[in-house]
Each structure stands twice: as structure tokens, then as C-alpha cells.
Full PDB file with SEQRES, HELIX, SHEET, SSBOND, CRYST1, ORIGX, SCALE, CONECT and MASTER records, all heavy atoms in Angstrom:
SEQRES   1 A   30  TYR TYR GLU PHE GLU ARG ILE ASN GLU LYS HIS CYS ILE          
SEQRES   2 A   30  ILE TYR SER THR GLU TRP ILE GLN LYS ASP SER ILE ASN          
SEQRES   3 A   30  SER LEU ILE GLU                                              
HELIX    1 AA1 LYS A   22  SER A   24  5                                   3    
HELIX    2 AA2 ILE A   25  ILE A   29  1                                   5    
SHEET    1 AA1 2 TYR A   2  ASN A   8  0                                        
SHEET    2 AA1 2 HIS A  11  SER A  16 -1                                        
CRYST1    1.000    1.000    1.000  90.00  90.00  90.00 P 1           1          
ORIGX1      1.000000  0.000000  0.000000        0.00000                         
ORIGX2      0.000000  1.000000  0.000000        0.00000                         
ORIGX3      0.000000  0.000000  1.000000        0.00000                         
SCALE1      1.000000  0.000000  0.000000        0.00000                         
SCALE2      0.000000  1.000000  0.000000        0.00000                         
SCALE3      0.000000  0.000000  1.000000        0.00000                         
ATOM      1  N   TYR A   1     -11.962  84.193   7.663  1.00  0.00           N  
ATOM      2  CA  TYR A   1     -10.917  83.447   6.977  1.00  0.00           C  
ATOM      3  C   TYR A   1     -10.654  82.147   7.728  1.00  0.00           C  
ATOM      4  O   TYR A   1     -10.661  82.112   8.961  1.00  0.00           O  
ATOM      5  CB  TYR A   1      -9.605  84.250   6.927  1.00  0.00           C  
ATOM      6  CG  TYR A   1      -9.657  85.467   6.053  1.00  0.00           C  
ATOM      7  CD1 TYR A   1      -9.635  86.745   6.608  1.00  0.00           C  
ATOM      8  CD2 TYR A   1      -9.719  85.346   4.667  1.00  0.00           C  
ATOM      9  CE1 TYR A   1      -9.684  87.872   5.808  1.00  0.00           C  
ATOM     10  CE2 TYR A   1      -9.772  86.465   3.858  1.00  0.00           C  
ATOM     11  CZ  TYR A   1      -9.751  87.723   4.437  1.00  0.00           C  
ATOM     12  OH  TYR A   1      -9.804  88.835   3.637  1.00  0.00           O  
ATOM     13  N   TYR A   2     -10.419  81.075   6.977  1.00  0.00           N  
ATOM     14  CA  TYR A   2      -9.993  79.804   7.545  1.00  0.00           C  
ATOM     15  C   TYR A   2      -8.644  79.426   6.935  1.00  0.00           C  
ATOM     16  O   TYR A   2      -8.467  79.528   5.719  1.00  0.00           O  
ATOM     17  CB  TYR A   2     -11.008  78.702   7.261  1.00  0.00           C  
ATOM     18  CG  TYR A   2     -12.299  78.856   8.024  1.00  0.00           C  
ATOM     19  CD1 TYR A   2     -13.445  79.358   7.417  1.00  0.00           C  
ATOM     20  CD2 TYR A   2     -12.382  78.510   9.378  1.00  0.00           C  
ATOM     21  CE1 TYR A   2     -14.635  79.514   8.125  1.00  0.00           C  
ATOM     22  CE2 TYR A   2     -13.568  78.659  10.090  1.00  0.00           C  
ATOM     23  CZ  TYR A   2     -14.687  79.165   9.456  1.00  0.00           C  
ATOM     24  OH  TYR A   2     -15.843  79.319  10.159  1.00  0.00           O  
ATOM     25  N   GLU A   3      -7.727  79.010   7.777  1.00  0.00           N  
ATOM     26  CA  GLU A   3      -6.385  78.667   7.316  1.00  0.00           C  
ATOM     27  C   GLU A   3      -6.012  77.269   7.794  1.00  0.00           C  
ATOM     28  O   GLU A   3      -6.077  76.970   8.987  1.00  0.00           O  
ATOM     29  CB  GLU A   3      -5.368  79.686   7.831  1.00  0.00           C  
ATOM     30  CG  GLU A   3      -3.977  79.512   7.250  1.00  0.00           C  
ATOM     31  CD  GLU A   3      -3.061  80.670   7.573  1.00  0.00           C  
ATOM     32  OE1 GLU A   3      -3.529  81.664   8.175  1.00  0.00           O  
ATOM     33  OE2 GLU A   3      -1.862  80.584   7.231  1.00  0.00           O  
ATOM     34  N   PHE A   4      -5.638  76.407   6.842  1.00  0.00           N  
ATOM     35  CA  PHE A   4      -5.251  75.033   7.147  1.00  0.00           C  
ATOM     36  C   PHE A   4      -3.774  74.978   7.514  1.00  0.00           C  
ATOM     37  O   PHE A   4      -2.919  75.489   6.782  1.00  0.00           O  
ATOM     38  CB  PHE A   4      -5.482  74.121   5.932  1.00  0.00           C  
ATOM     39  CG  PHE A   4      -6.927  73.800   5.658  1.00  0.00           C  
ATOM     40  CD1 PHE A   4      -7.743  74.707   5.004  1.00  0.00           C  
ATOM     41  CD2 PHE A   4      -7.466  72.584   6.043  1.00  0.00           C  
ATOM     42  CE1 PHE A   4      -9.071  74.419   4.737  1.00  0.00           C  
ATOM     43  CE2 PHE A   4      -8.793  72.278   5.786  1.00  0.00           C  
ATOM     44  CZ  PHE A   4      -9.598  73.202   5.133  1.00  0.00           C  
ATOM     45  N   GLU A   5      -3.493  74.341   8.628  1.00  0.00           N  
ATOM     46  CA  GLU A   5      -2.112  74.038   9.009  1.00  0.00           C  
ATOM     47  C   GLU A   5      -1.963  72.524   9.052  1.00  0.00           C  
ATOM     48  O   GLU A   5      -2.543  71.857   9.910  1.00  0.00           O  
ATOM     49  CB  GLU A   5      -1.772  74.634  10.376  1.00  0.00           C  
ATOM     50  CG  GLU A   5      -0.348  74.331  10.825  1.00  0.00           C  
ATOM     51  CD  GLU A   5      -0.040  74.878  12.208  1.00  0.00           C  
ATOM     52  OE1 GLU A   5      -0.248  76.089  12.416  1.00  0.00           O  
ATOM     53  OE2 GLU A   5       0.384  74.093  13.075  1.00  0.00           O  
ATOM     54  N   ARG A   6      -1.210  71.988   8.114  1.00  0.00           N  
ATOM     55  CA  ARG A   6      -1.012  70.541   8.043  1.00  0.00           C  
ATOM     56  C   ARG A   6       0.120  70.140   8.982  1.00  0.00           C  
ATOM     57  O   ARG A   6       1.270  70.547   8.798  1.00  0.00           O  
ATOM     58  CB  ARG A   6      -0.697  70.100   6.619  1.00  0.00           C  
ATOM     59  CG  ARG A   6      -1.856  70.291   5.639  1.00  0.00           C  
ATOM     60  CD  ARG A   6      -1.442  69.933   4.231  1.00  0.00           C  
ATOM     61  NE  ARG A   6      -1.335  68.497   4.046  1.00  0.00           N  
ATOM     62  CZ  ARG A   6      -2.225  67.760   3.382  1.00  0.00           C  
ATOM     63  NH1 ARG A   6      -3.300  68.345   2.853  1.00  0.00           N  
ATOM     64  NH2 ARG A   6      -2.056  66.472   3.227  1.00  0.00           N  
ATOM     65  N   ILE A   7      -0.204  69.345   9.993  1.00  0.00           N  
ATOM     66  CA  ILE A   7       0.824  68.813  10.893  1.00  0.00           C  
ATOM     67  C   ILE A   7       1.610  67.731  10.168  1.00  0.00           C  
ATOM     68  O   ILE A   7       2.834  67.676  10.229  1.00  0.00           O  
ATOM     69  CB  ILE A   7       0.193  68.243  12.177  1.00  0.00           C  
ATOM     70  CG1 ILE A   7      -0.779  69.265  12.802  1.00  0.00           C  
ATOM     71  CG2 ILE A   7       1.278  67.840  13.166  1.00  0.00           C  
ATOM     72  CD1 ILE A   7      -0.163  70.593  13.130  1.00  0.00           C  
ATOM     73  N   ASN A   8       0.877  66.877   9.481  1.00  0.00           N  
ATOM     74  CA  ASN A   8       1.446  65.873   8.584  1.00  0.00           C  
ATOM     75  C   ASN A   8       0.338  65.476   7.613  1.00  0.00           C  
ATOM     76  O   ASN A   8      -0.711  66.126   7.558  1.00  0.00           O  
ATOM     77  CB  ASN A   8       2.019  64.661   9.357  1.00  0.00           C  
ATOM     78  CG  ASN A   8       0.987  64.035  10.295  1.00  0.00           C  
ATOM     79  OD1 ASN A   8      -0.144  63.766   9.902  1.00  0.00           O  
ATOM     80  ND2 ASN A   8       1.373  63.814  11.550  1.00  0.00           N  
ATOM     81  N   GLU A   9       0.551  64.413   6.851  1.00  0.00           N  
ATOM     82  CA  GLU A   9      -0.422  64.049   5.820  1.00  0.00           C  
ATOM     83  C   GLU A   9      -1.723  63.486   6.389  1.00  0.00           C  
ATOM     84  O   GLU A   9      -2.712  63.325   5.667  1.00  0.00           O  
ATOM     85  CB  GLU A   9       0.184  63.021   4.865  1.00  0.00           C  
ATOM     86  CG  GLU A   9       0.537  61.695   5.516  1.00  0.00           C  
ATOM     87  CD  GLU A   9       1.083  60.686   4.532  1.00  0.00           C  
ATOM     88  OE1 GLU A   9       1.311  61.057   3.372  1.00  0.00           O  
ATOM     89  OE2 GLU A   9       1.267  59.516   4.936  1.00  0.00           O  
ATOM     90  N   LYS A  10      -1.784  63.249   7.708  1.00  0.00           N  
ATOM     91  CA  LYS A  10      -2.978  62.689   8.332  1.00  0.00           C  
ATOM     92  C   LYS A  10      -3.603  63.592   9.395  1.00  0.00           C  
ATOM     93  O   LYS A  10      -4.611  63.232   9.989  1.00  0.00           O  
ATOM     94  CB  LYS A  10      -2.647  61.326   8.970  1.00  0.00           C  
ATOM     95  CG  LYS A  10      -2.143  60.286   7.983  1.00  0.00           C  
ATOM     96  CD  LYS A  10      -1.843  58.960   8.674  1.00  0.00           C  
ATOM     97  CE  LYS A  10      -1.347  57.929   7.678  1.00  0.00           C  
ATOM     98  NZ  LYS A  10      -1.089  56.619   8.314  1.00  0.00           N  
ATOM     99  N   HIS A  11      -3.012  64.749   9.603  1.00  0.00           N  
ATOM    100  CA  HIS A  11      -3.399  65.564  10.754  1.00  0.00           C  
ATOM    101  C   HIS A  11      -3.330  67.044  10.386  1.00  0.00           C  
ATOM    102  O   HIS A  11      -2.302  67.516   9.874  1.00  0.00           O  
ATOM    103  CB  HIS A  11      -2.445  65.251  11.919  1.00  0.00           C  
ATOM    104  CG  HIS A  11      -2.792  65.940  13.198  1.00  0.00           C  
ATOM    105  ND1 HIS A  11      -1.904  65.999  14.265  1.00  0.00           N  
ATOM    106  CD2 HIS A  11      -3.909  66.609  13.608  1.00  0.00           C  
ATOM    107  CE1 HIS A  11      -2.467  66.662  15.266  1.00  0.00           C  
ATOM    108  NE2 HIS A  11      -3.676  67.048  14.887  1.00  0.00           N  
ATOM    109  N   CYS A  12      -4.409  67.780  10.632  1.00  0.00           N  
ATOM    110  CA  CYS A  12      -4.401  69.218  10.360  1.00  0.00           C  
ATOM    111  C   CYS A  12      -5.227  69.963  11.398  1.00  0.00           C  
ATOM    112  O   CYS A  12      -6.106  69.398  12.048  1.00  0.00           O  
ATOM    113  CB  CYS A  12      -4.923  69.516   8.955  1.00  0.00           C  
ATOM    114  SG  CYS A  12      -6.704  69.289   8.752  1.00  0.00           S  
ATOM    115  N   ILE A  13      -4.925  71.249  11.537  1.00  0.00           N  
ATOM    116  CA  ILE A  13      -5.702  72.170  12.366  1.00  0.00           C  
ATOM    117  C   ILE A  13      -6.153  73.309  11.469  1.00  0.00           C  
ATOM    118  O   ILE A  13      -5.378  73.827  10.658  1.00  0.00           O  
ATOM    119  CB  ILE A  13      -4.876  72.705  13.543  1.00  0.00           C  
ATOM    120  CG1 ILE A  13      -4.425  71.562  14.453  1.00  0.00           C  
ATOM    121  CG2 ILE A  13      -5.693  73.718  14.356  1.00  0.00           C  
ATOM    122  CD1 ILE A  13      -3.507  71.994  15.588  1.00  0.00           C  
ATOM    123  N   ILE A  14      -7.417  73.712  11.589  1.00  0.00           N  
ATOM    124  CA  ILE A  14      -7.967  74.808  10.802  1.00  0.00           C  
ATOM    125  C   ILE A  14      -8.194  75.998  11.739  1.00  0.00           C  
ATOM    126  O   ILE A  14      -8.933  75.894  12.718  1.00  0.00           O  
ATOM    127  CB  ILE A  14      -9.287  74.405  10.128  1.00  0.00           C  
ATOM    128  CG1 ILE A  14      -9.088  73.139   9.285  1.00  0.00           C  
ATOM    129  CG2 ILE A  14      -9.808  75.546   9.261  1.00  0.00           C  
ATOM    130  CD1 ILE A  14     -10.375  72.580   8.720  1.00  0.00           C  
ATOM    131  N   TYR A  15      -7.538  77.110  11.428  1.00  0.00           N  
ATOM    132  CA  TYR A  15      -7.641  78.319  12.246  1.00  0.00           C  
ATOM    133  C   TYR A  15      -8.610  79.301  11.599  1.00  0.00           C  
ATOM    134  O   TYR A  15      -8.776  79.331  10.380  1.00  0.00           O  
ATOM    135  CB  TYR A  15      -6.268  78.981  12.389  1.00  0.00           C  
ATOM    136  CG  TYR A  15      -5.286  78.176  13.202  1.00  0.00           C  
ATOM    137  CD1 TYR A  15      -4.488  77.211  12.604  1.00  0.00           C  
ATOM    138  CD2 TYR A  15      -5.149  78.390  14.575  1.00  0.00           C  
ATOM    139  CE1 TYR A  15      -3.582  76.466  13.350  1.00  0.00           C  
ATOM    140  CE2 TYR A  15      -4.246  77.659  15.328  1.00  0.00           C  
ATOM    141  CZ  TYR A  15      -3.466  76.688  14.710  1.00  0.00           C  
ATOM    142  OH  TYR A  15      -2.569  75.953  15.451  1.00  0.00           O  
ATOM    143  N   SER A  16      -9.253  80.117  12.429  1.00  0.00           N  
ATOM    144  CA  SER A  16     -10.186  81.114  11.914  1.00  0.00           C  
ATOM    145  C   SER A  16      -9.790  82.507  12.379  1.00  0.00           C  
ATOM    146  O   SER A  16      -9.226  82.695  13.463  1.00  0.00           O  
ATOM    147  CB  SER A  16     -11.618  80.807  12.372  1.00  0.00           C  
ATOM    148  OG  SER A  16     -11.741  80.981  13.770  1.00  0.00           O  
ATOM    149  N   THR A  17     -10.075  83.491  11.526  1.00  0.00           N  
ATOM    150  CA  THR A  17      -9.868  84.905  11.834  1.00  0.00           C  
ATOM    151  C   THR A  17     -11.032  85.683  11.245  1.00  0.00           C  
ATOM    152  O   THR A  17     -11.437  85.431  10.110  1.00  0.00           O  
ATOM    153  CB  THR A  17      -8.554  85.424  11.216  1.00  0.00           C  
ATOM    154  OG1 THR A  17      -7.464  84.613  11.635  1.00  0.00           O  
ATOM    155  CG2 THR A  17      -8.298  86.870  11.645  1.00  0.00           C  
ATOM    156  N   GLU A  18     -11.592  86.630  12.026  1.00  0.00           N  
ATOM    157  CA  GLU A  18     -12.665  87.482  11.534  1.00  0.00           C  
ATOM    158  C   GLU A  18     -12.167  88.917  11.433  1.00  0.00           C  
ATOM    159  O   GLU A  18     -11.215  89.301  12.098  1.00  0.00           O  
ATOM    160  CB  GLU A  18     -13.877  87.431  12.465  1.00  0.00           C  
ATOM    161  CG  GLU A  18     -14.638  86.125  12.412  1.00  0.00           C  
ATOM    162  CD  GLU A  18     -13.934  85.003  13.129  1.00  0.00           C  
ATOM    163  OE1 GLU A  18     -13.390  85.268  14.225  1.00  0.00           O  
ATOM    164  OE2 GLU A  18     -13.895  83.883  12.611  1.00  0.00           O  
ATOM    165  N   TRP A  19     -12.818  89.707  10.561  1.00  0.00           N  
ATOM    166  CA  TRP A  19     -12.384  91.086  10.392  1.00  0.00           C  
ATOM    167  C   TRP A  19     -13.571  92.005  10.164  1.00  0.00           C  
ATOM    168  O   TRP A  19     -14.648  91.572   9.771  1.00  0.00           O  
ATOM    169  CB  TRP A  19     -11.418  91.214   9.208  1.00  0.00           C  
ATOM    170  CG  TRP A  19     -12.012  90.815   7.881  1.00  0.00           C  
ATOM    171  CD1 TRP A  19     -11.990  89.580   7.313  1.00  0.00           C  
ATOM    172  CD2 TRP A  19     -12.724  91.656   6.967  1.00  0.00           C  
ATOM    173  NE1 TRP A  19     -12.636  89.596   6.102  1.00  0.00           N  
ATOM    174  CE2 TRP A  19     -13.093  90.861   5.859  1.00  0.00           C  
ATOM    175  CE3 TRP A  19     -13.089  93.011   6.975  1.00  0.00           C  
ATOM    176  CZ2 TRP A  19     -13.809  91.367   4.781  1.00  0.00           C  
ATOM    177  CZ3 TRP A  19     -13.803  93.517   5.896  1.00  0.00           C  
ATOM    178  CH2 TRP A  19     -14.147  92.695   4.812  1.00  0.00           C  
ATOM    179  N   ILE A  20     -13.359  93.301  10.448  1.00  0.00           N  
ATOM    180  CA  ILE A  20     -14.329  94.339  10.111  1.00  0.00           C  
ATOM    181  C   ILE A  20     -13.559  95.566   9.642  1.00  0.00           C  
ATOM    182  O   ILE A  20     -12.392  95.769   9.983  1.00  0.00           O  
ATOM    183  CB  ILE A  20     -15.220  94.722  11.318  1.00  0.00           C  
ATOM    184  CG1 ILE A  20     -14.355  95.236  12.469  1.00  0.00           C  
ATOM    185  CG2 ILE A  20     -16.084  93.578  11.759  1.00  0.00           C  
ATOM    186  CD1 ILE A  20     -15.164  95.799  13.609  1.00  0.00           C  
ATOM    187  N   GLN A  21     -14.217  96.407   8.847  1.00  0.00           N  
ATOM    188  CA  GLN A  21     -13.602  97.646   8.394  1.00  0.00           C  
ATOM    189  C   GLN A  21     -13.407  98.608   9.572  1.00  0.00           C  
ATOM    190  O   GLN A  21     -14.265  98.706  10.455  1.00  0.00           O  
ATOM    191  CB  GLN A  21     -14.488  98.316   7.339  1.00  0.00           C  
ATOM    192  CG  GLN A  21     -14.532  97.572   6.014  1.00  0.00           C  
ATOM    193  CD  GLN A  21     -13.213  97.631   5.276  1.00  0.00           C  
ATOM    194  OE1 GLN A  21     -12.440  98.569   5.445  1.00  0.00           O  
ATOM    195  NE2 GLN A  21     -12.943  96.631   4.461  1.00  0.00           N  
ATOM    196  N   LYS A  22     -12.290  99.311   9.558  1.00  0.00           N  
ATOM    197  CA  LYS A  22     -12.022 100.295  10.612  1.00  0.00           C  
ATOM    198  C   LYS A  22     -13.134 101.337  10.679  1.00  0.00           C  
ATOM    199  O   LYS A  22     -13.549 101.762  11.765  1.00  0.00           O  
ATOM    200  CB  LYS A  22     -10.673 100.968  10.358  1.00  0.00           C  
ATOM    201  CG  LYS A  22     -10.288 102.002  11.422  1.00  0.00           C  
ATOM    202  CD  LYS A  22      -8.958 102.663  11.100  1.00  0.00           C  
ATOM    203  CE  LYS A  22      -8.613 103.723  12.142  1.00  0.00           C  
ATOM    204  NZ  LYS A  22      -7.326 104.404  11.813  1.00  0.00           N  
ATOM    205  N   ASP A  23     -13.644 101.747   9.521  1.00  0.00           N  
ATOM    206  CA  ASP A  23     -14.690 102.765   9.478  1.00  0.00           C  
ATOM    207  C   ASP A  23     -16.016 102.271  10.059  1.00  0.00           C  
ATOM    208  O   ASP A  23     -16.913 103.072  10.339  1.00  0.00           O  
ATOM    209  CB  ASP A  23     -14.919 103.235   8.037  1.00  0.00           C  
ATOM    210  CG  ASP A  23     -13.721 103.987   7.471  1.00  0.00           C  
ATOM    211  OD1 ASP A  23     -12.883 104.426   8.281  1.00  0.00           O  
ATOM    212  OD2 ASP A  23     -13.623 104.116   6.238  1.00  0.00           O  
ATOM    213  N   SER A  24     -16.154 100.951  10.206  1.00  0.00           N  
ATOM    214  CA  SER A  24     -17.410 100.387  10.701  1.00  0.00           C  
ATOM    215  C   SER A  24     -17.418 100.181  12.209  1.00  0.00           C  
ATOM    216  O   SER A  24     -18.469  99.895  12.781  1.00  0.00           O  
ATOM    217  CB  SER A  24     -17.680  99.031  10.021  1.00  0.00           C  
ATOM    218  OG  SER A  24     -17.773  99.177   8.632  1.00  0.00           O  
ATOM    219  N   ILE A  25     -16.254 100.325  12.845  1.00  0.00           N  
ATOM    220  CA  ILE A  25     -16.150  99.942  14.244  1.00  0.00           C  
ATOM    221  C   ILE A  25     -17.020 100.832  15.138  1.00  0.00           C  
ATOM    222  O   ILE A  25     -17.663 100.351  16.079  1.00  0.00           O  
ATOM    223  CB  ILE A  25     -14.682  99.961  14.721  1.00  0.00           C  
ATOM    224  CG1 ILE A  25     -14.531  99.203  16.044  1.00  0.00           C  
ATOM    225  CG2 ILE A  25     -14.145 101.365  14.812  1.00  0.00           C  
ATOM    226  CD1 ILE A  25     -14.618  97.713  15.893  1.00  0.00           C  
ATOM    227  N   ASN A  26     -17.099 102.130  14.824  1.00  0.00           N  
ATOM    228  CA  ASN A  26     -17.909 103.015  15.668  1.00  0.00           C  
ATOM    229  C   ASN A  26     -19.394 102.706  15.535  1.00  0.00           C  
ATOM    230  O   ASN A  26     -20.131 102.737  16.531  1.00  0.00           O  
ATOM    231  CB  ASN A  26     -17.632 104.471  15.296  1.00  0.00           C  
ATOM    232  CG  ASN A  26     -16.254 104.931  15.730  1.00  0.00           C  
ATOM    233  OD1 ASN A  26     -15.704 104.434  16.707  1.00  0.00           O  
ATOM    234  ND2 ASN A  26     -15.675 105.870  14.994  1.00  0.00           N  
ATOM    235  N   SER A  27     -19.841 102.407  14.309  1.00  0.00           N  
ATOM    236  CA  SER A  27     -21.243 102.038  14.113  1.00  0.00           C  
ATOM    237  C   SER A  27     -21.563 100.749  14.854  1.00  0.00           C  
ATOM    238  O   SER A  27     -22.640 100.605  15.448  1.00  0.00           O  
ATOM    239  CB  SER A  27     -21.540 101.866  12.623  1.00  0.00           C  
ATOM    240  OG  SER A  27     -21.342 103.078  11.934  1.00  0.00           O  
ATOM    241  N   LEU A  28     -20.621  99.822  14.821  1.00  0.00           N  
ATOM    242  CA  LEU A  28     -20.801  98.554  15.527  1.00  0.00           C  
ATOM    243  C   LEU A  28     -20.957  98.788  17.021  1.00  0.00           C  
ATOM    244  O   LEU A  28     -21.867  98.249  17.660  1.00  0.00           O  
ATOM    245  CB  LEU A  28     -19.602  97.649  15.236  1.00  0.00           C  
ATOM    246  CG  LEU A  28     -19.581  96.248  15.860  1.00  0.00           C  
ATOM    247  CD1 LEU A  28     -18.812  95.299  14.944  1.00  0.00           C  
ATOM    248  CD2 LEU A  28     -18.903  96.256  17.233  1.00  0.00           C  
ATOM    249  N   ILE A  29     -20.089  99.618  17.574  1.00  0.00           N  
ATOM    250  CA  ILE A  29     -20.124  99.878  19.009  1.00  0.00           C  
ATOM    251  C   ILE A  29     -21.408 100.606  19.406  1.00  0.00           C  
ATOM    252  O   ILE A  29     -22.065 100.252  20.395  1.00  0.00           O  
ATOM    253  CB  ILE A  29     -18.877 100.674  19.429  1.00  0.00           C  
ATOM    254  CG1 ILE A  29     -17.634  99.781  19.324  1.00  0.00           C  
ATOM    255  CG2 ILE A  29     -19.030 101.221  20.846  1.00  0.00           C  
ATOM    256  CD1 ILE A  29     -16.337 100.508  19.564  1.00  0.00           C  
ATOM    257  N   GLU A  30     -21.787 101.615  18.619  1.00  0.00           N  
ATOM    258  CA  GLU A  30     -22.989 102.383  18.947  1.00  0.00           C  
ATOM    259  C   GLU A  30     -24.241 101.516  18.867  1.00  0.00           C  
ATOM    260  O   GLU A  30     -25.165 101.676  19.667  1.00  0.00           O  
ATOM    261  CB  GLU A  30     -23.111 103.585  18.013  1.00  0.00           C  
ATOM    262  CG  GLU A  30     -22.073 104.677  18.257  1.00  0.00           C  
ATOM    263  CD  GLU A  30     -22.113 105.212  19.673  1.00  0.00           C  
ATOM    264  OE1 GLU A  30     -23.236 105.435  20.193  1.00  0.00           O  
ATOM    265  OE2 GLU A  30     -21.033 105.400  20.274  1.00  0.00           O  
TER     266      GLU A  30                                                      
MASTER        0    0    0    2    2    0    0    6  265    1    0    3          
END                                                                             
């Protein structure tokens, strides 16, 4: 996911977040 945070009309920061399914975490680790 990318989320835009507008500081003002000329300035923004784009944040990122990644996710995985809870059921997939063990397979990922193994």
C-alpha cells in the first residue's frame, strides 16, 4: 500500500506498508 500525505499543495510524502496473510507466516519462515 502507498499512502499520500500532503504537507501542502506543493509538498507531499508517500508512505508504504506491506502485508502478508497470518496463515502464510509459517510457510514464509520455513
